[in-house]
């Protein structure tokens, strides 16, 4: 968990440094955190099927992070900010914008269809 948290903090630091104007982890806002989560979302592995998708074989529907993964990232980010002294209302991860983003991700997960494993017969 500590390795994952420190890796996430490094990723956030690199992301914030690339913003215009550059920021550091301690000065990030909740909007910056949402932008970071959106950038991470592009690397997700869960296919969210669009309306009209026949779901046969490989489709061109977008791949996103699963809501559980986003929730886990938020927990780690919350812990990162608690460790640097930004607790309760000063913690950007505790802001309503973050809660709304998570609610949106959970709602979009409704379109996720679990993949059936191919049975193996010996």
PDB file of N, CA and C in Angstrom:
ATOM      1  N   UNK A   1       0.830  -1.196   0.000  1.00  0.00           N
ATOM      2  CA  UNK A   1       0.000   0.000   0.000  1.00  0.00           C
ATOM      3  C   UNK A   1       0.872   1.258   0.000  1.00  0.00           C
ATOM      4  N   UNK A   2       1.941   1.257   0.801  1.00  0.00           N
ATOM      5  CA  UNK A   2       2.822   2.426   0.871  1.00  0.00           C
ATOM      6  C   UNK A   2       3.510   2.684  -0.469  1.00  0.00           C
ATOM      7  N   UNK A   3       3.920   1.604  -1.149  1.00  0.00           N
ATOM      8  CA  UNK A   3       4.559   1.763  -2.452  1.00  0.00           C
ATOM      9  C   UNK A   3       3.574   2.337  -3.466  1.00  0.00           C
ATOM     10  N   UNK A   4       2.343   1.829  -3.443  1.00  0.00           N
ATOM     11  CA  UNK A   4       1.322   2.337  -4.356  1.00  0.00           C
ATOM     12  C   UNK A   4       1.034   3.808  -4.082  1.00  0.00           C
ATOM     13  N   UNK A   5       0.969   4.151  -2.797  1.00  0.00           N
ATOM     14  CA  UNK A   5       0.671   5.525  -2.412  1.00  0.00           C
ATOM     15  C   UNK A   5       1.799   6.467  -2.837  1.00  0.00           C
ATOM     16  N   UNK A   6       3.045   6.054  -2.631  1.00  0.00           N
ATOM     17  CA  UNK A   6       4.159   6.927  -3.023  1.00  0.00           C
ATOM     18  C   UNK A   6       4.270   7.022  -4.549  1.00  0.00           C
ATOM     19  N   UNK A   7       3.969   5.938  -5.262  1.00  0.00           N
ATOM     20  CA  UNK A   7       3.968   5.991  -6.727  1.00  0.00           C
ATOM     21  C   UNK A   7       2.876   6.936  -7.222  1.00  0.00           C
ATOM     22  N   UNK A   8       1.710   6.880  -6.584  1.00  0.00           N
ATOM     23  CA  UNK A   8       0.610   7.765  -6.957  1.00  0.00           C
ATOM     24  C   UNK A   8       0.974   9.219  -6.668  1.00  0.00           C
ATOM     25  N   UNK A   9       1.644   9.459  -5.559  1.00  0.00           N
ATOM     26  CA  UNK A   9       2.065  10.824  -5.223  1.00  0.00           C
ATOM     27  C   UNK A   9       3.062  11.352  -6.253  1.00  0.00           C
ATOM     28  N   UNK A  10       3.974  10.497  -6.716  1.00  0.00           N
ATOM     29  CA  UNK A  10       4.922  10.902  -7.761  1.00  0.00           C
ATOM     30  C   UNK A  10       4.191  11.224  -9.063  1.00  0.00           C
ATOM     31  N   UNK A  11       3.219  10.371  -9.432  1.00  0.00           N
ATOM     32  CA  UNK A  11       2.442  10.619 -10.650  1.00  0.00           C
ATOM     33  C   UNK A  11       1.682  11.938 -10.555  1.00  0.00           C
ATOM     34  N   UNK A  12       1.075  12.192  -9.400  1.00  0.00           N
ATOM     35  CA  UNK A  12       0.341  13.436  -9.190  1.00  0.00           C
ATOM     36  C   UNK A  12       1.290  14.626  -9.269  1.00  0.00           C
ATOM     37  N   UNK A  13       2.462  14.495  -8.687  1.00  0.00           N
ATOM     38  CA  UNK A  13       3.451  15.568  -8.704  1.00  0.00           C
ATOM     39  C   UNK A  13       3.874  15.906 -10.131  1.00  0.00           C
ATOM     40  N   UNK A  14       4.129  14.878 -10.940  1.00  0.00           N
ATOM     41  CA  UNK A  14       4.512  15.085 -12.343  1.00  0.00           C
ATOM     42  C   UNK A  14       3.366  15.738 -13.106  1.00  0.00           C
ATOM     43  N   UNK A  15       2.144  15.265 -12.871  1.00  0.00           N
ATOM     44  CA  UNK A  15       0.971  15.827 -13.543  1.00  0.00           C
ATOM     45  C   UNK A  15       0.804  17.304 -13.197  1.00  0.00           C
ATOM     46  N   UNK A  16       0.890  17.630 -11.913  1.00  0.00           N
ATOM     47  CA  UNK A  16       0.699  19.015 -11.468  1.00  0.00           C
ATOM     48  C   UNK A  16       1.807  19.930 -11.980  1.00  0.00           C
ATOM     49  N   UNK A  17       3.024  19.417 -12.085  1.00  0.00           N
ATOM     50  CA  UNK A  17       4.140  20.215 -12.599  1.00  0.00           C
ATOM     51  C   UNK A  17       3.951  20.554 -14.073  1.00  0.00           C
ATOM     52  N   UNK A  18       3.199  19.713 -14.795  1.00  0.00           N
ATOM     53  CA  UNK A  18       2.967  19.939 -16.221  1.00  0.00           C
ATOM     54  C   UNK A  18       1.823  20.918 -16.479  1.00  0.00           C
ATOM     55  N   UNK A  19       1.060  21.265 -15.445  1.00  0.00           N
ATOM     56  CA  UNK A  19      -0.043  22.210 -15.617  1.00  0.00           C
ATOM     57  C   UNK A  19       0.495  23.611 -15.856  1.00  0.00           C
ATOM     58  N   UNK A  20      -0.365  24.456 -16.393  1.00  0.00           N
ATOM     59  CA  UNK A  20       0.006  25.854 -16.571  1.00  0.00           C
ATOM     60  C   UNK A  20      -0.925  26.715 -15.739  1.00  0.00           C
ATOM     61  N   UNK A  21      -0.479  27.387 -14.741  1.00  0.00           N
ATOM     62  CA  UNK A  21       0.864  27.413 -14.170  1.00  0.00           C
ATOM     63  C   UNK A  21       1.137  26.144 -13.366  1.00  0.00           C
ATOM     64  N   UNK A  22       2.406  25.759 -13.264  1.00  0.00           N
ATOM     65  CA  UNK A  22       2.761  24.548 -12.510  1.00  0.00           C
ATOM     66  C   UNK A  22       2.383  24.666 -11.035  1.00  0.00           C
ATOM     67  N   UNK A  23       2.020  23.536 -10.467  1.00  0.00           N
ATOM     68  CA  UNK A  23       1.668  23.477  -9.048  1.00  0.00           C
ATOM     69  C   UNK A  23       2.418  22.326  -8.411  1.00  0.00           C
ATOM     70  N   UNK A  24       2.407  22.308  -7.084  1.00  0.00           N
ATOM     71  CA  UNK A  24       2.939  21.151  -6.382  1.00  0.00           C
ATOM     72  C   UNK A  24       1.779  20.478  -5.645  1.00  0.00           C
ATOM     73  N   UNK A  25       2.058  19.328  -5.068  1.00  0.00           N
ATOM     74  CA  UNK A  25       1.007  18.531  -4.434  1.00  0.00           C
ATOM     75  C   UNK A  25       0.310  19.306  -3.324  1.00  0.00           C
ATOM     76  N   UNK A  26       1.059  20.060  -2.558  1.00  0.00           N
ATOM     77  CA  UNK A  26       0.469  20.758  -1.413  1.00  0.00           C
ATOM     78  C   UNK A  26      -0.447  21.908  -1.810  1.00  0.00           C
ATOM     79  N   UNK A  27      -0.320  22.421  -3.032  1.00  0.00           N
ATOM     80  CA  UNK A  27      -1.155  23.549  -3.449  1.00  0.00           C
ATOM     81  C   UNK A  27      -2.251  23.164  -4.439  1.00  0.00           C
ATOM     82  N   UNK A  28      -2.451  21.883  -4.679  1.00  0.00           N
ATOM     83  CA  UNK A  28      -3.448  21.433  -5.649  1.00  0.00           C
ATOM     84  C   UNK A  28      -4.861  21.670  -5.135  1.00  0.00           C
ATOM     85  N   UNK A  29      -5.761  21.955  -6.068  1.00  0.00           N
ATOM     86  CA  UNK A  29      -7.173  22.141  -5.730  1.00  0.00           C
ATOM     87  C   UNK A  29      -7.953  20.884  -6.103  1.00  0.00           C
ATOM     88  N   UNK A  30      -9.217  20.865  -5.736  1.00  0.00           N
ATOM     89  CA  UNK A  30     -10.063  19.719  -6.074  1.00  0.00           C
ATOM     90  C   UNK A  30     -10.234  19.596  -7.586  1.00  0.00           C
ATOM     91  N   UNK A  31     -10.261  20.708  -8.295  1.00  0.00           N
ATOM     92  CA  UNK A  31     -10.371  20.673  -9.758  1.00  0.00           C
ATOM     93  C   UNK A  31      -9.118  20.036 -10.358  1.00  0.00           C
ATOM     94  N   UNK A  32      -7.958  20.331  -9.790  1.00  0.00           N
ATOM     95  CA  UNK A  32      -6.713  19.705 -10.251  1.00  0.00           C
ATOM     96  C   UNK A  32      -6.753  18.191 -10.029  1.00  0.00           C
ATOM     97  N   UNK A  33      -7.321  17.775  -8.918  1.00  0.00           N
ATOM     98  CA  UNK A  33      -7.434  16.340  -8.621  1.00  0.00           C
ATOM     99  C   UNK A  33      -8.353  15.666  -9.632  1.00  0.00           C
ATOM    100  N   UNK A  34      -9.468  16.307  -9.978  1.00  0.00           N
ATOM    101  CA  UNK A  34     -10.379  15.744 -10.983  1.00  0.00           C
ATOM    102  C   UNK A  34      -9.664  15.640 -12.326  1.00  0.00           C
ATOM    103  N   UNK A  35      -8.910  16.653 -12.713  1.00  0.00           N
ATOM    104  CA  UNK A  35      -8.148  16.600 -13.969  1.00  0.00           C
ATOM    105  C   UNK A  35      -7.164  15.433 -13.951  1.00  0.00           C
ATOM    106  N   UNK A  36      -6.515  15.216 -12.809  1.00  0.00           N
ATOM    107  CA  UNK A  36      -5.579  14.099 -12.661  1.00  0.00           C
ATOM    108  C   UNK A  36      -6.312  12.767 -12.831  1.00  0.00           C
ATOM    109  N   UNK A  37      -7.475  12.633 -12.197  1.00  0.00           N
ATOM    110  CA  UNK A  37      -8.248  11.395 -12.308  1.00  0.00           C
ATOM    111  C   UNK A  37      -8.710  11.165 -13.742  1.00  0.00           C
ATOM    112  N   UNK A  38      -9.099  12.228 -14.430  1.00  0.00           N
ATOM    113  CA  UNK A  38      -9.513  12.100 -15.832  1.00  0.00           C
ATOM    114  C   UNK A  38      -8.334  11.639 -16.685  1.00  0.00           C
ATOM    115  N   UNK A  39      -7.144  12.158 -16.403  1.00  0.00           N
ATOM    116  CA  UNK A  39      -5.971  11.725 -17.170  1.00  0.00           C
ATOM    117  C   UNK A  39      -5.652  10.255 -16.897  1.00  0.00           C
ATOM    118  N   UNK A  40      -5.839   9.811 -15.666  1.00  0.00           N
ATOM    119  CA  UNK A  40      -5.612   8.398 -15.328  1.00  0.00           C
ATOM    120  C   UNK A  40      -6.694   7.516 -15.947  1.00  0.00           C
ATOM    121  N   UNK A  41      -7.897   8.064 -16.094  1.00  0.00           N
ATOM    122  CA  UNK A  41      -9.036   7.316 -16.620  1.00  0.00           C
ATOM    123  C   UNK A  41      -8.772   6.815 -18.035  1.00  0.00           C
ATOM    124  N   UNK A  42      -7.988   7.557 -18.794  1.00  0.00           N
ATOM    125  CA  UNK A  42      -7.693   7.172 -20.174  1.00  0.00           C
ATOM    126  C   UNK A  42      -6.917   5.861 -20.249  1.00  0.00           C
ATOM    127  N   UNK A  43      -6.247   5.481 -19.179  1.00  0.00           N
ATOM    128  CA  UNK A  43      -5.467   4.248 -19.176  1.00  0.00           C
ATOM    129  C   UNK A  43      -6.204   3.065 -18.581  1.00  0.00           C
ATOM    130  N   UNK A  44      -7.516   3.186 -18.429  1.00  0.00           N
ATOM    131  CA  UNK A  44      -8.300   2.126 -17.809  1.00  0.00           C
ATOM    132  C   UNK A  44      -8.433   0.890 -18.676  1.00  0.00           C
ATOM    133  N   UNK A  45      -8.864  -0.208 -18.056  1.00  0.00           N
ATOM    134  CA  UNK A  45      -9.010  -1.471 -18.784  1.00  0.00           C
ATOM    135  C   UNK A  45     -10.453  -1.952 -18.853  1.00  0.00           C
ATOM    136  N   UNK A  46     -11.380  -1.211 -18.256  1.00  0.00           N
ATOM    137  CA  UNK A  46     -12.778  -1.626 -18.248  1.00  0.00           C
ATOM    138  C   UNK A  46     -13.494  -0.993 -19.433  1.00  0.00           C
ATOM    139  N   UNK A  47     -14.119  -1.818 -20.261  1.00  0.00           N
ATOM    140  CA  UNK A  47     -14.840  -1.314 -21.422  1.00  0.00           C
ATOM    141  C   UNK A  47     -16.227  -0.857 -20.998  1.00  0.00           C
ATOM    142  N   UNK A  48     -16.548   0.391 -21.313  1.00  0.00           N
ATOM    143  CA  UNK A  48     -17.878   0.935 -21.044  1.00  0.00           C
ATOM    144  C   UNK A  48     -18.576   1.024 -22.392  1.00  0.00           C
ATOM    145  N   UNK A  49     -19.556   0.153 -22.608  1.00  0.00           N
ATOM    146  CA  UNK A  49     -20.218   0.064 -23.905  1.00  0.00           C
ATOM    147  C   UNK A  49     -21.175   1.225 -24.125  1.00  0.00           C
ATOM    148  N   UNK A  50     -21.123   1.783 -25.326  1.00  0.00           N
ATOM    149  CA  UNK A  50     -22.026   2.864 -25.699  1.00  0.00           C
ATOM    150  C   UNK A  50     -23.339   2.263 -26.184  1.00  0.00           C
ATOM    151  N   UNK A  51     -24.368   3.092 -26.202  1.00  0.00           N
ATOM    152  CA  UNK A  51     -25.675   2.629 -26.652  1.00  0.00           C
ATOM    153  C   UNK A  51     -25.579   2.214 -28.119  1.00  0.00           C
ATOM    154  N   UNK A  52     -26.124   1.065 -28.447  1.00  0.00           N
ATOM    155  CA  UNK A  52     -26.076   0.555 -29.804  1.00  0.00           C
ATOM    156  C   UNK A  52     -24.930  -0.412 -30.063  1.00  0.00           C
ATOM    157  N   UNK A  53     -24.063  -0.602 -29.097  1.00  0.00           N
ATOM    158  CA  UNK A  53     -22.952  -1.534 -29.261  1.00  0.00           C
ATOM    159  C   UNK A  53     -23.498  -2.957 -29.189  1.00  0.00           C
ATOM    160  N   UNK A  54     -23.083  -3.777 -30.132  1.00  0.00           N
ATOM    161  CA  UNK A  54     -23.564  -5.159 -30.151  1.00  0.00           C
ATOM    162  C   UNK A  54     -22.750  -6.060 -29.241  1.00  0.00           C
ATOM    163  N   UNK A  55     -21.641  -5.570 -28.740  1.00  0.00           N
ATOM    164  CA  UNK A  55     -20.800  -6.291 -27.776  1.00  0.00           C
ATOM    165  C   UNK A  55     -20.329  -7.651 -28.299  1.00  0.00           C
ATOM    166  N   UNK A  56     -20.014  -7.704 -29.562  1.00  0.00           N
ATOM    167  CA  UNK A  56     -19.493  -8.950 -30.131  1.00  0.00           C
ATOM    168  C   UNK A  56     -18.031  -8.747 -30.485  1.00  0.00           C
ATOM    169  N   UNK A  57     -17.215  -9.608 -29.966  1.00  0.00           N
ATOM    170  CA  UNK A  57     -15.788  -9.498 -30.250  1.00  0.00           C
ATOM    171  C   UNK A  57     -15.221  -8.201 -29.709  1.00  0.00           C
ATOM    172  N   UNK A  58     -14.277  -7.660 -30.413  1.00  0.00           N
ATOM    173  CA  UNK A  58     -13.680  -6.388 -29.983  1.00  0.00           C
ATOM    174  C   UNK A  58     -14.529  -5.240 -30.519  1.00  0.00           C
ATOM    175  N   UNK A  59     -14.885  -4.336 -29.628  1.00  0.00           N
ATOM    176  CA  UNK A  59     -15.656  -3.174 -30.048  1.00  0.00           C
ATOM    177  C   UNK A  59     -14.816  -1.918 -29.825  1.00  0.00           C
ATOM    178  N   UNK A  60     -15.298  -0.821 -30.314  1.00  0.00           N
ATOM    179  CA  UNK A  60     -14.574   0.447 -30.215  1.00  0.00           C
ATOM    180  C   UNK A  60     -15.065   1.308 -29.056  1.00  0.00           C
ATOM    181  N   UNK A  61     -15.763   0.708 -28.110  1.00  0.00           N
ATOM    182  CA  UNK A  61     -16.269   1.453 -26.960  1.00  0.00           C
ATOM    183  C   UNK A  61     -15.094   1.899 -26.088  1.00  0.00           C
ATOM    184  N   UNK A  62     -15.263   3.018 -25.375  1.00  0.00           N
ATOM    185  CA  UNK A  62     -14.146   3.544 -24.576  1.00  0.00           C
ATOM    186  C   UNK A  62     -13.762   2.639 -23.411  1.00  0.00           C
ATOM    187  N   UNK A  63     -12.486   2.673 -23.083  1.00  0.00           N
ATOM    188  CA  UNK A  63     -11.980   1.944 -21.915  1.00  0.00           C
ATOM    189  C   UNK A  63     -11.723   2.969 -20.824  1.00  0.00           C
ATOM    190  N   UNK A  64     -12.167   2.633 -19.623  1.00  0.00           N
ATOM    191  CA  UNK A  64     -12.058   3.560 -18.501  1.00  0.00           C
ATOM    192  C   UNK A  64     -11.630   2.809 -17.258  1.00  0.00           C
ATOM    193  N   UNK A  65     -11.327   3.560 -16.216  1.00  0.00           N
ATOM    194  CA  UNK A  65     -11.054   2.946 -14.920  1.00  0.00           C
ATOM    195  C   UNK A  65     -12.367   2.489 -14.310  1.00  0.00           C
ATOM    196  N   UNK A  66     -12.345   1.371 -13.636  1.00  0.00           N
ATOM    197  CA  UNK A  66     -13.528   0.889 -12.925  1.00  0.00           C
ATOM    198  C   UNK A  66     -13.788   1.800 -11.727  1.00  0.00           C
ATOM    199  N   UNK A  67     -15.043   1.871 -11.303  1.00  0.00           N
ATOM    200  CA  UNK A  67     -15.390   2.766 -10.189  1.00  0.00           C
ATOM    201  C   UNK A  67     -14.662   2.366  -8.909  1.00  0.00           C
ATOM    202  N   UNK A  68     -14.432   1.082  -8.709  1.00  0.00           N
ATOM    203  CA  UNK A  68     -13.692   0.632  -7.534  1.00  0.00           C
ATOM    204  C   UNK A  68     -12.244   1.103  -7.556  1.00  0.00           C
ATOM    205  N   UNK A  69     -11.660   1.151  -8.742  1.00  0.00           N
ATOM    206  CA  UNK A  69     -10.292   1.640  -8.887  1.00  0.00           C
ATOM    207  C   UNK A  69     -10.224   3.130  -8.575  1.00  0.00           C
ATOM    208  N   UNK A  70     -11.201   3.889  -9.082  1.00  0.00           N
ATOM    209  CA  UNK A  70     -11.249   5.329  -8.803  1.00  0.00           C
ATOM    210  C   UNK A  70     -11.427   5.558  -7.306  1.00  0.00           C
ATOM    211  N   UNK A  71     -12.295   4.770  -6.687  1.00  0.00           N
ATOM    212  CA  UNK A  71     -12.523   4.887  -5.244  1.00  0.00           C
ATOM    213  C   UNK A  71     -11.232   4.598  -4.471  1.00  0.00           C
ATOM    214  N   UNK A  72     -10.489   3.592  -4.908  1.00  0.00           N
ATOM    215  CA  UNK A  72      -9.217   3.250  -4.274  1.00  0.00           C
ATOM    216  C   UNK A  72      -8.194   4.376  -4.439  1.00  0.00           C
ATOM    217  N   UNK A  73      -8.126   4.950  -5.642  1.00  0.00           N
ATOM    218  CA  UNK A  73      -7.222   6.077  -5.880  1.00  0.00           C
ATOM    219  C   UNK A  73      -7.574   7.256  -4.977  1.00  0.00           C
ATOM    220  N   UNK A  74      -8.871   7.512  -4.825  1.00  0.00           N
ATOM    221  CA  UNK A  74      -9.305   8.618  -3.968  1.00  0.00           C
ATOM    222  C   UNK A  74      -8.910   8.378  -2.516  1.00  0.00           C
ATOM    223  N   UNK A  75      -9.002   7.140  -2.058  1.00  0.00           N
ATOM    224  CA  UNK A  75      -8.585   6.816  -0.699  1.00  0.00           C
ATOM    225  C   UNK A  75      -7.101   7.076  -0.492  1.00  0.00           C
ATOM    226  N   UNK A  76      -6.295   6.696  -1.483  1.00  0.00           N
ATOM    227  CA  UNK A  76      -4.852   6.933  -1.391  1.00  0.00           C
ATOM    228  C   UNK A  76      -4.537   8.424  -1.453  1.00  0.00           C
ATOM    229  N   UNK A  77      -5.231   9.148  -2.330  1.00  0.00           N
ATOM    230  CA  UNK A  77      -5.016  10.593  -2.417  1.00  0.00           C
ATOM    231  C   UNK A  77      -5.426  11.289  -1.121  1.00  0.00           C
ATOM    232  N   UNK A  78      -6.517  10.833  -0.539  1.00  0.00           N
ATOM    233  CA  UNK A  78      -6.967  11.402   0.742  1.00  0.00           C
ATOM    234  C   UNK A  78      -5.891  11.192   1.809  1.00  0.00           C
ATOM    235  N   UNK A  79      -5.305   9.997   1.830  1.00  0.00           N
ATOM    236  CA  UNK A  79      -4.242   9.690   2.798  1.00  0.00           C
ATOM    237  C   UNK A  79      -2.999  10.541   2.543  1.00  0.00           C
ATOM    238  N   UNK A  80      -2.672  10.785   1.278  1.00  0.00           N
ATOM    239  CA  UNK A  80      -1.522  11.628   0.935  1.00  0.00           C
ATOM    240  C   UNK A  80      -1.726  13.032   1.495  1.00  0.00           C
ATOM    241  N   UNK A  81      -2.913  13.578   1.297  1.00  0.00           N
ATOM    242  CA  UNK A  81      -3.180  14.941   1.778  1.00  0.00           C
ATOM    243  C   UNK A  81      -3.289  14.997   3.297  1.00  0.00           C
ATOM    244  N   UNK A  82      -3.800  13.955   3.915  1.00  0.00           N
ATOM    245  CA  UNK A  82      -3.829  13.917   5.384  1.00  0.00           C
ATOM    246  C   UNK A  82      -2.405  13.919   5.940  1.00  0.00           C
ATOM    247  N   UNK A  83      -1.502  13.204   5.261  1.00  0.00           N
ATOM    248  CA  UNK A  83      -0.114  13.111   5.727  1.00  0.00           C
ATOM    249  C   UNK A  83       0.624  14.448   5.645  1.00  0.00           C
ATOM    250  N   UNK A  84       0.217  15.308   4.702  1.00  0.00           N
ATOM    251  CA  UNK A  84       0.896  16.613   4.599  1.00  0.00           C
ATOM    252  C   UNK A  84       0.139  17.704   5.358  1.00  0.00           C
ATOM    253  N   UNK A  85      -0.862  17.298   6.124  1.00  0.00           N
ATOM    254  CA  UNK A  85      -1.543  18.247   6.997  1.00  0.00           C
ATOM    255  C   UNK A  85      -2.789  18.891   6.437  1.00  0.00           C
ATOM    256  N   UNK A  86      -3.212  18.479   5.253  1.00  0.00           N
ATOM    257  CA  UNK A  86      -4.450  19.035   4.685  1.00  0.00           C
ATOM    258  C   UNK A  86      -5.587  18.068   5.003  1.00  0.00           C
ATOM    259  N   UNK A  87      -6.205  18.275   6.144  1.00  0.00           N
ATOM    260  CA  UNK A  87      -7.267  17.388   6.605  1.00  0.00           C
ATOM    261  C   UNK A  87      -8.621  18.075   6.499  1.00  0.00           C
ATOM    262  N   UNK A  88      -9.660  17.272   6.619  1.00  0.00           N
ATOM    263  CA  UNK A  88     -11.053  17.740   6.608  1.00  0.00           C
ATOM    264  C   UNK A  88     -11.345  18.666   5.429  1.00  0.00           C
ATOM    265  N   UNK A  89     -11.755  19.895   5.697  1.00  0.00           N
ATOM    266  CA  UNK A  89     -12.159  20.814   4.630  1.00  0.00           C
ATOM    267  C   UNK A  89     -11.001  21.303   3.768  1.00  0.00           C
ATOM    268  N   UNK A  90      -9.782  21.264   4.279  1.00  0.00           N
ATOM    269  CA  UNK A  90      -8.641  21.711   3.474  1.00  0.00           C
ATOM    270  C   UNK A  90      -8.115  20.606   2.554  1.00  0.00           C
ATOM    271  N   UNK A  91      -8.642  19.389   2.708  1.00  0.00           N
ATOM    272  CA  UNK A  91      -8.246  18.273   1.852  1.00  0.00           C
ATOM    273  C   UNK A  91      -9.027  18.377   0.540  1.00  0.00           C
ATOM    274  N   UNK A  92      -8.345  18.566  -0.599  1.00  0.00           N
ATOM    275  CA  UNK A  92      -9.068  18.721  -1.867  1.00  0.00           C
ATOM    276  C   UNK A  92      -9.852  17.475  -2.268  1.00  0.00           C
ATOM    277  N   UNK A  93      -9.470  16.316  -1.754  1.00  0.00           N
ATOM    278  CA  UNK A  93     -10.160  15.076  -2.100  1.00  0.00           C
ATOM    279  C   UNK A  93     -11.504  14.978  -1.378  1.00  0.00           C
ATOM    280  N   UNK A  94     -11.696  15.766  -0.327  1.00  0.00           N
ATOM    281  CA  UNK A  94     -12.951  15.754   0.427  1.00  0.00           C
ATOM    282  C   UNK A  94     -13.978  16.724  -0.147  1.00  0.00           C
ATOM    283  N   UNK A  95     -13.652  17.415  -1.232  1.00  0.00           N
ATOM    284  CA  UNK A  95     -14.534  18.426  -1.814  1.00  0.00           C
ATOM    285  C   UNK A  95     -15.705  17.773  -2.557  1.00  0.00           C
ATOM    286  N   UNK A  96     -16.799  18.489  -2.676  1.00  0.00           N
ATOM    287  CA  UNK A  96     -18.009  17.990  -3.341  1.00  0.00           C
ATOM    288  C   UNK A  96     -17.758  17.651  -4.812  1.00  0.00           C
ATOM    289  N   UNK A  97     -16.864  18.369  -5.472  1.00  0.00           N
ATOM    290  CA  UNK A  97     -16.549  18.093  -6.879  1.00  0.00           C
ATOM    291  C   UNK A  97     -16.038  16.666  -7.040  1.00  0.00           C
ATOM    292  N   UNK A  98     -15.228  16.212  -6.112  1.00  0.00           N
ATOM    293  CA  UNK A  98     -14.682  14.853  -6.155  1.00  0.00           C
ATOM    294  C   UNK A  98     -15.802  13.837  -5.950  1.00  0.00           C
ATOM    295  N   UNK A  99     -16.693  14.108  -5.016  1.00  0.00           N
ATOM    296  CA  UNK A  99     -17.824  13.212  -4.761  1.00  0.00           C
ATOM    297  C   UNK A  99     -18.720  13.119  -5.989  1.00  0.00           C
ATOM    298  N   UNK A 100     -18.944  14.249  -6.658  1.00  0.00           N
ATOM    299  CA  UNK A 100     -19.755  14.255  -7.877  1.00  0.00           C
ATOM    300  C   UNK A 100     -19.075  13.465  -8.989  1.00  0.00           C
ATOM    301  N   UNK A 101     -17.752  13.589  -9.103  1.00  0.00           N
ATOM    302  CA  UNK A 101     -17.008  12.839 -10.116  1.00  0.00           C
ATOM    303  C   UNK A 101     -17.134  11.338  -9.865  1.00  0.00           C
ATOM    304  N   UNK A 102     -16.989  10.924  -8.608  1.00  0.00           N
ATOM    305  CA  UNK A 102     -17.109   9.505  -8.273  1.00  0.00           C
ATOM    306  C   UNK A 102     -18.524   9.006  -8.558  1.00  0.00           C
ATOM    307  N   UNK A 103     -19.515   9.815  -8.269  1.00  0.00           N
ATOM    308  CA  UNK A 103     -20.907   9.449  -8.552  1.00  0.00           C
ATOM    309  C   UNK A 103     -21.107   9.255 -10.056  1.00  0.00           C
ATOM    310  N   UNK A 104     -20.505  10.136 -10.868  1.00  0.00           N
ATOM    311  CA  UNK A 104     -20.583  10.021 -12.320  1.00  0.00           C
ATOM    312  C   UNK A 104     -19.923   8.730 -12.801  1.00  0.00           C
ATOM    313  N   UNK A 105     -18.759   8.412 -12.252  1.00  0.00           N
ATOM    314  CA  UNK A 105     -18.040   7.195 -12.642  1.00  0.00           C
ATOM    315  C   UNK A 105     -18.861   5.959 -12.285  1.00  0.00           C
ATOM    316  N   UNK A 106     -19.457   5.963 -11.097  1.00  0.00           N
ATOM    317  CA  UNK A 106     -20.294   4.823 -10.696  1.00  0.00           C
ATOM    318  C   UNK A 106     -21.500   4.679 -11.612  1.00  0.00           C
ATOM    319  N   UNK A 107     -22.117   5.792 -12.001  1.00  0.00           N
ATOM    320  CA  UNK A 107     -23.281   5.746 -12.890  1.00  0.00           C
ATOM    321  C   UNK A 107     -22.891   5.249 -14.279  1.00  0.00           C
ATOM    322  N   UNK A 108     -21.717   5.634 -14.760  1.00  0.00           N
ATOM    323  CA  UNK A 108     -21.290   5.179 -16.085  1.00  0.00           C
ATOM    324  C   UNK A 108     -20.909   3.704 -16.061  1.00  0.00           C
ATOM    325  N   UNK A 109     -20.619   3.171 -14.887  1.00  0.00           N
ATOM    326  CA  UNK A 109     -20.287   1.756 -14.756  1.00  0.00           C
ATOM    327  C   UNK A 109     -21.469   0.838 -14.972  1.00  0.00           C
ATOM    328  N   UNK A 110     -22.669   1.402 -15.024  1.00  0.00           N
ATOM    329  CA  UNK A 110     -23.871   0.604 -15.268  1.00  0.00           C
ATOM    330  C   UNK A 110     -23.801  -0.031 -16.651  1.00  0.00           C
ATOM    331  N   UNK A 111     -23.123   0.624 -17.583  1.00  0.00           N
ATOM    332  CA  UNK A 111     -23.021   0.110 -18.942  1.00  0.00           C
ATOM    333  C   UNK A 111     -21.942  -0.956 -19.092  1.00  0.00           C
ATOM    334  N   UNK A 112     -21.266  -1.293 -18.020  1.00  0.00           N
ATOM    335  CA  UNK A 112     -20.202  -2.294 -18.075  1.00  0.00           C
ATOM    336  C   UNK A 112     -20.820  -3.683 -18.003  1.00  0.00           C
ATOM    337  N   UNK A 113     -20.466  -4.512 -18.961  1.00  0.00           N
ATOM    338  CA  UNK A 113     -20.945  -5.886 -18.983  1.00  0.00           C
ATOM    339  C   UNK A 113     -19.771  -6.785 -18.626  1.00  0.00           C
ATOM    340  N   UNK A 114     -19.908  -7.599 -17.557  1.00  0.00           N
ATOM    341  CA  UNK A 114     -18.798  -8.473 -17.181  1.00  0.00           C
ATOM    342  C   UNK A 114     -18.484  -9.455 -18.304  1.00  0.00           C
ATOM    343  N   UNK A 115     -17.210  -9.666 -18.527  1.00  0.00           N
ATOM    344  CA  UNK A 115     -16.805 -10.619 -19.554  1.00  0.00           C
ATOM    345  C   UNK A 115     -16.837 -12.023 -18.980  1.00  0.00           C
ATOM    346  N   UNK A 116     -17.308 -12.936 -19.778  1.00  0.00           N
ATOM    347  CA  UNK A 116     -17.387 -14.329 -19.373  1.00  0.00           C
ATOM    348  C   UNK A 116     -16.077 -15.009 -19.738  1.00  0.00           C
ATOM    349  N   UNK A 117     -15.495 -15.683 -18.793  1.00  0.00           N
ATOM    350  CA  UNK A 117     -14.261 -16.415 -19.059  1.00  0.00           C
ATOM    351  C   UNK A 117     -14.554 -17.594 -19.977  1.00  0.00           C
ATOM    352  N   UNK A 118     -13.606 -17.896 -20.827  1.00  0.00           N
ATOM    353  CA  UNK A 118     -13.746 -19.037 -21.727  1.00  0.00           C
ATOM    354  C   UNK A 118     -13.515 -20.296 -20.911  1.00  0.00           C
ATOM    355  N   UNK A 119     -14.497 -21.222 -20.900  1.00  0.00           N
ATOM    356  CA  UNK A 119     -14.312 -22.439 -20.112  1.00  0.00           C
ATOM    357  C   UNK A 119     -13.197 -23.307 -20.694  1.00  0.00           C
ATOM    358  N   UNK A 120     -12.430 -23.891 -19.815  1.00  0.00           N
ATOM    359  CA  UNK A 120     -11.355 -24.784 -20.225  1.00  0.00           C
ATOM    360  C   UNK A 120     -11.766 -26.222 -19.914  1.00  0.00           C
ATOM    361  N   UNK A 121     -11.667 -27.056 -20.910  1.00  0.00           N
ATOM    362  CA  UNK A 121     -11.999 -28.465 -20.720  1.00  0.00           C
ATOM    363  C   UNK A 121     -10.753 -29.293 -20.991  1.00  0.00           C
ATOM    364  N   UNK A 122     -10.502 -30.240 -20.114  1.00  0.00           N
ATOM    365  CA  UNK A 122      -9.325 -31.089 -20.270  1.00  0.00           C
ATOM    366  C   UNK A 122      -9.725 -32.467 -20.699  1.00  0.00           C
TER     367      UNK A 122
END
